[in-house]
PDB file of N, CA and C in Angstrom:
ATOM      1  N   MET A   1      23.383 -92.188   8.109  1.00  0.00           N
ATOM      2  CA  MET A   1      24.788 -91.958   8.693  1.00  0.00           C
ATOM      3  C   MET A   1      25.464 -90.557   8.525  1.00  0.00           C
ATOM      4  N   VAL A   2      26.865 -89.355   9.237  1.00  0.00           N
ATOM      5  CA  VAL A   2      26.390 -88.706   8.404  1.00  0.00           C
ATOM      6  C   VAL A   2      28.050 -88.618   8.792  1.00  0.00           C
ATOM      7  N   ALA A   3      29.161 -88.864   8.877  1.00  0.00           N
ATOM      8  CA  ALA A   3      30.621 -88.758   9.643  1.00  0.00           C
ATOM      9  C   ALA A   3      31.554 -87.487   8.209  1.00  0.00           C
ATOM     10  N   GLY A   4      32.559 -87.383   8.977  1.00  0.00           N
ATOM     11  CA  GLY A   4      33.470 -86.599   8.898  1.00  0.00           C
ATOM     12  C   GLY A   4      35.084 -87.114   8.789  1.00  0.00           C
ATOM     13  N   ASP A   5      36.014 -86.760   9.128  1.00  0.00           N
ATOM     14  CA  ASP A   5      37.235 -87.221   9.084  1.00  0.00           C
ATOM     15  C   ASP A   5      37.523 -88.098  10.663  1.00  0.00           C
ATOM     16  N   ASP A   6      36.581 -87.356  11.783  1.00  0.00           N
ATOM     17  CA  ASP A   6      36.766 -88.005  12.724  1.00  0.00           C
ATOM     18  C   ASP A   6      35.640 -87.468  13.694  1.00  0.00           C
ATOM     19  N   VAL A   7      34.869 -87.176  13.615  1.00  0.00           N
ATOM     20  CA  VAL A   7      33.072 -87.187  14.211  1.00  0.00           C
ATOM     21  C   VAL A   7      32.069 -87.944  13.316  1.00  0.00           C
ATOM     22  N   ALA A   8      31.696 -88.323  13.256  1.00  0.00           N
ATOM     23  CA  ALA A   8      29.586 -88.600  12.778  1.00  0.00           C
ATOM     24  C   ALA A   8      28.721 -88.984  13.992  1.00  0.00           C
ATOM     25  N   HIS A   9      27.212 -88.829  12.855  1.00  0.00           N
ATOM     26  CA  HIS A   9      26.512 -89.486  14.072  1.00  0.00           C
ATOM     27  C   HIS A   9      25.162 -90.185  13.064  1.00  0.00           C
ATOM     28  N   ALA A  10      24.796 -90.758  13.373  1.00  0.00           N
ATOM     29  CA  ALA A  10      23.602 -91.533  13.219  1.00  0.00           C
ATOM     30  C   ALA A  10      22.538 -91.389  13.813  1.00  0.00           C
ATOM     31  N   HIS A  11      21.117 -91.761  13.206  1.00  0.00           N
ATOM     32  CA  HIS A  11      19.470 -91.947  13.689  1.00  0.00           C
ATOM     33  C   HIS A  11      18.924 -93.065  13.530  1.00  0.00           C
ATOM     34  N   GLY A  12      17.928 -93.489  14.208  1.00  0.00           N
ATOM     35  CA  GLY A  12      16.943 -94.562  14.060  1.00  0.00           C
ATOM     36  C   GLY A  12      15.920 -94.762  14.434  1.00  0.00           C
ATOM     37  N   LEU A  13      14.657 -95.462  14.189  1.00  0.00           N
ATOM     38  CA  LEU A  13      14.084 -95.918  14.417  1.00  0.00           C
ATOM     39  C   LEU A  13      14.233 -97.504  15.138  1.00  0.00           C
ATOM     40  N   LEU A  14      13.944 -97.889  16.225  1.00  0.00           N
ATOM     41  CA  LEU A  14      14.029 -98.771  17.286  1.00  0.00           C
ATOM     42  C   LEU A  14      12.511 -99.312  17.798  1.00  0.00           C
ATOM     43  N   ARG A  15      12.359-100.480  17.531  1.00  0.00           N
ATOM     44  CA  ARG A  15      10.888-101.263  18.731  1.00  0.00           C
ATOM     45  C   ARG A  15      11.460-101.653  19.805  1.00  0.00           C
ATOM     46  N   VAL A  16      11.163-101.352  20.778  1.00  0.00           N
ATOM     47  CA  VAL A  16      11.688-102.063  22.285  1.00  0.00           C
ATOM     48  C   VAL A  16      10.526-102.749  22.379  1.00  0.00           C
ATOM     49  N   GLY A  17      10.894-103.542  23.561  1.00  0.00           N
ATOM     50  CA  GLY A  17       9.533-104.403  24.138  1.00  0.00           C
ATOM     51  C   GLY A  17       9.793-106.072  24.628  1.00  0.00           C
ATOM     52  N   ALA A  18       9.533-106.841  25.423  1.00  0.00           N
ATOM     53  CA  ALA A  18       9.963-107.903  26.054  1.00  0.00           C
ATOM     54  C   ALA A  18       9.181-108.731  24.640  1.00  0.00           C
ATOM     55  N   ALA A  19       9.896-109.942  24.808  1.00  0.00           N
ATOM     56  CA  ALA A  19       9.485-110.592  23.780  1.00  0.00           C
ATOM     57  C   ALA A  19       7.513-111.758  23.884  1.00  0.00           C
ATOM     58  N   GLY A  20       7.415-111.360  22.491  1.00  0.00           N
ATOM     59  CA  GLY A  20       5.577-111.425  22.568  1.00  0.00           C
ATOM     60  C   GLY A  20       4.985-110.440  22.855  1.00  0.00           C
ATOM     61  N   THR A  21       5.582-108.999  22.890  1.00  0.00           N
ATOM     62  CA  THR A  21       4.651-108.358  23.053  1.00  0.00           C
ATOM     63  C   THR A  21       4.540-107.557  21.747  1.00  0.00           C
ATOM     64  N   GLU A  22       4.296-106.435  21.507  1.00  0.00           N
ATOM     65  CA  GLU A  22       3.953-105.177  20.267  1.00  0.00           C
ATOM     66  C   GLU A  22       5.064-104.329  20.775  1.00  0.00           C
ATOM     67  N   GLY A  23       5.231-104.098  21.877  1.00  0.00           N
ATOM     68  CA  GLY A  23       6.544-102.965  22.362  1.00  0.00           C
ATOM     69  C   GLY A  23       6.170-101.914  21.648  1.00  0.00           C
ATOM     70  N   PHE A  24       7.135-101.055  21.947  1.00  0.00           N
ATOM     71  CA  PHE A  24       6.831 -99.422  21.428  1.00  0.00           C
ATOM     72  C   PHE A  24       8.055 -98.776  20.361  1.00  0.00           C
ATOM     73  N   ARG A  25       8.183 -98.329  19.569  1.00  0.00           N
ATOM     74  CA  ARG A  25       8.780 -97.115  19.126  1.00  0.00           C
ATOM     75  C   ARG A  25       9.708 -96.022  19.615  1.00  0.00           C
ATOM     76  N   VAL A  26      11.255 -96.127  19.054  1.00  0.00           N
ATOM     77  CA  VAL A  26      11.798 -95.357  20.261  1.00  0.00           C
ATOM     78  C   VAL A  26      12.954 -95.056  19.097  1.00  0.00           C
ATOM     79  N   ARG A  27      12.996 -93.393  19.273  1.00  0.00           N
ATOM     80  CA  ARG A  27      14.038 -92.649  18.262  1.00  0.00           C
ATOM     81  C   ARG A  27      15.185 -92.788  19.005  1.00  0.00           C
ATOM     82  N   LEU A  28      16.289 -93.213  18.376  1.00  0.00           N
ATOM     83  CA  LEU A  28      17.665 -92.739  18.663  1.00  0.00           C
ATOM     84  C   LEU A  28      18.640 -92.208  18.511  1.00  0.00           C
ATOM     85  N   THR A  29      19.249 -91.272  18.582  1.00  0.00           N
ATOM     86  CA  THR A  29      20.332 -90.674  17.744  1.00  0.00           C
ATOM     87  C   THR A  29      22.077 -90.888  18.986  1.00  0.00           C
ATOM     88  N   VAL A  30      22.925 -91.438  17.697  1.00  0.00           N
ATOM     89  CA  VAL A  30      24.330 -91.207  18.418  1.00  0.00           C
ATOM     90  C   VAL A  30      25.028 -90.343  17.358  1.00  0.00           C
ATOM     91  N   GLY A  31      26.009 -89.325  18.815  1.00  0.00           N
ATOM     92  CA  GLY A  31      27.789 -88.863  18.244  1.00  0.00           C
ATOM     93  C   GLY A  31      28.541 -89.795  18.523  1.00  0.00           C
ATOM     94  N   LEU A  32      29.462 -90.042  17.649  1.00  0.00           N
ATOM     95  CA  LEU A  32      30.232 -90.381  17.582  1.00  0.00           C
ATOM     96  C   LEU A  32      31.791 -89.666  17.155  1.00  0.00           C
ATOM     97  N   ARG A  33      33.147 -90.087  17.815  1.00  0.00           N
ATOM     98  CA  ARG A  33      34.196 -89.957  17.596  1.00  0.00           C
ATOM     99  C   ARG A  33      35.206 -90.478  17.801  1.00  0.00           C
ATOM    100  N   ARG A  34      35.891 -90.368  16.449  1.00  0.00           N
ATOM    101  CA  ARG A  34      36.944 -91.692  15.711  1.00  0.00           C
ATOM    102  C   ARG A  34      37.889 -91.387  17.017  1.00  0.00           C
ATOM    103  N   VAL A  35      38.682 -92.677  18.469  1.00  0.00           N
ATOM    104  CA  VAL A  35      40.055 -92.346  18.855  1.00  0.00           C
ATOM    105  C   VAL A  35      40.954 -93.364  18.448  1.00  0.00           C
ATOM    106  N   GLU A  36      42.217 -92.961  17.973  1.00  0.00           N
ATOM    107  CA  GLU A  36      42.810 -93.912  18.227  1.00  0.00           C
ATOM    108  C   GLU A  36      42.561 -95.145  16.951  1.00  0.00           C
ATOM    109  N   GLY A  37      41.917 -94.795  15.753  1.00  0.00           N
ATOM    110  CA  GLY A  37      41.450 -95.342  14.723  1.00  0.00           C
ATOM    111  C   GLY A  37      39.642 -95.783  15.078  1.00  0.00           C
ATOM    112  N   ARG A  38      39.412 -96.281  16.380  1.00  0.00           N
ATOM    113  CA  ARG A  38      37.974 -97.092  16.507  1.00  0.00           C
ATOM    114  C   ARG A  38      37.503 -95.811  17.226  1.00  0.00           C
ATOM    115  N   TRP A  39      35.493 -96.017  16.701  1.00  0.00           N
ATOM    116  CA  TRP A  39      34.692 -95.357  16.830  1.00  0.00           C
ATOM    117  C   TRP A  39      34.200 -95.460  18.037  1.00  0.00           C
ATOM    118  N   LEU A  40      34.151 -94.452  18.415  1.00  0.00           N
ATOM    119  CA  LEU A  40      33.574 -94.476  20.279  1.00  0.00           C
ATOM    120  C   LEU A  40      31.664 -94.035  19.769  1.00  0.00           C
ATOM    121  N   ILE A  41      31.276 -93.989  20.714  1.00  0.00           N
ATOM    122  CA  ILE A  41      30.069 -92.961  21.131  1.00  0.00           C
ATOM    123  C   ILE A  41      30.351 -92.639  22.413  1.00  0.00           C
ATOM    124  N   THR A  42      29.540 -91.187  21.716  1.00  0.00           N
ATOM    125  CA  THR A  42      30.401 -90.000  22.917  1.00  0.00           C
ATOM    126  C   THR A  42      28.616 -89.168  23.730  1.00  0.00           C
ATOM    127  N   HIS A  43      27.733 -89.746  22.493  1.00  0.00           N
ATOM    128  CA  HIS A  43      26.637 -89.081  23.276  1.00  0.00           C
ATOM    129  C   HIS A  43      25.628 -89.493  22.508  1.00  0.00           C
ATOM    130  N   GLU A  44      24.654 -90.458  22.958  1.00  0.00           N
ATOM    131  CA  GLU A  44      23.168 -90.824  23.133  1.00  0.00           C
ATOM    132  C   GLU A  44      21.892 -90.482  23.344  1.00  0.00           C
ATOM    133  N   HIS A  45      21.316 -89.894  22.750  1.00  0.00           N
ATOM    134  CA  HIS A  45      20.150 -90.130  22.964  1.00  0.00           C
ATOM    135  C   HIS A  45      18.704 -91.079  22.806  1.00  0.00           C
ATOM    136  N   HIS A  46      17.706 -91.011  23.645  1.00  0.00           N
ATOM    137  CA  HIS A  46      16.900 -91.682  23.224  1.00  0.00           C
ATOM    138  C   HIS A  46      15.038 -90.955  23.657  1.00  0.00           C
ATOM    139  N   SER A  47      14.137 -90.833  22.775  1.00  0.00           N
ATOM    140  CA  SER A  47      12.824 -90.467  22.628  1.00  0.00           C
ATOM    141  C   SER A  47      12.143 -90.928  22.440  1.00  0.00           C
ATOM    142  N   VAL A  48      10.996 -90.615  22.638  1.00  0.00           N
ATOM    143  CA  VAL A  48       9.996 -91.352  21.653  1.00  0.00           C
ATOM    144  C   VAL A  48       8.784 -90.547  21.037  1.00  0.00           C
ATOM    145  N   PRO A  49       9.025 -91.493  19.444  1.00  0.00           N
ATOM    146  CA  PRO A  49       8.312 -90.187  18.372  1.00  0.00           C
ATOM    147  C   PRO A  49       7.109 -89.816  18.652  1.00  0.00           C
ATOM    148  N   ALA A  50       6.554 -88.245  18.223  1.00  0.00           N
ATOM    149  CA  ALA A  50       5.409 -87.933  18.459  1.00  0.00           C
ATOM    150  C   ALA A  50       4.055 -88.599  17.181  1.00  0.00           C
ATOM    151  N   GLY A  51       3.150 -88.914  17.703  1.00  0.00           N
ATOM    152  CA  GLY A  51       2.119 -89.054  17.018  1.00  0.00           C
ATOM    153  C   GLY A  51       1.537 -90.949  17.311  1.00  0.00           C
TER     154      GLY A  51
END
C-alpha cells in the first residue's frame, strides 16, 4: 500500500471460487481517499492475471 495525507492505493492477488473448488486468481487494485477521517474506496479494478 502507498499512502499520502488523504489518498492511497493498494493492490493484491485474490483467489475466488466456490467452497470445495480450486477457484481462480484475480488481481485487485483499489484507490482510496480519506474523507472526514475515514478511508473510503473511490476506485476499484479487478483483472485476471496473464499466464
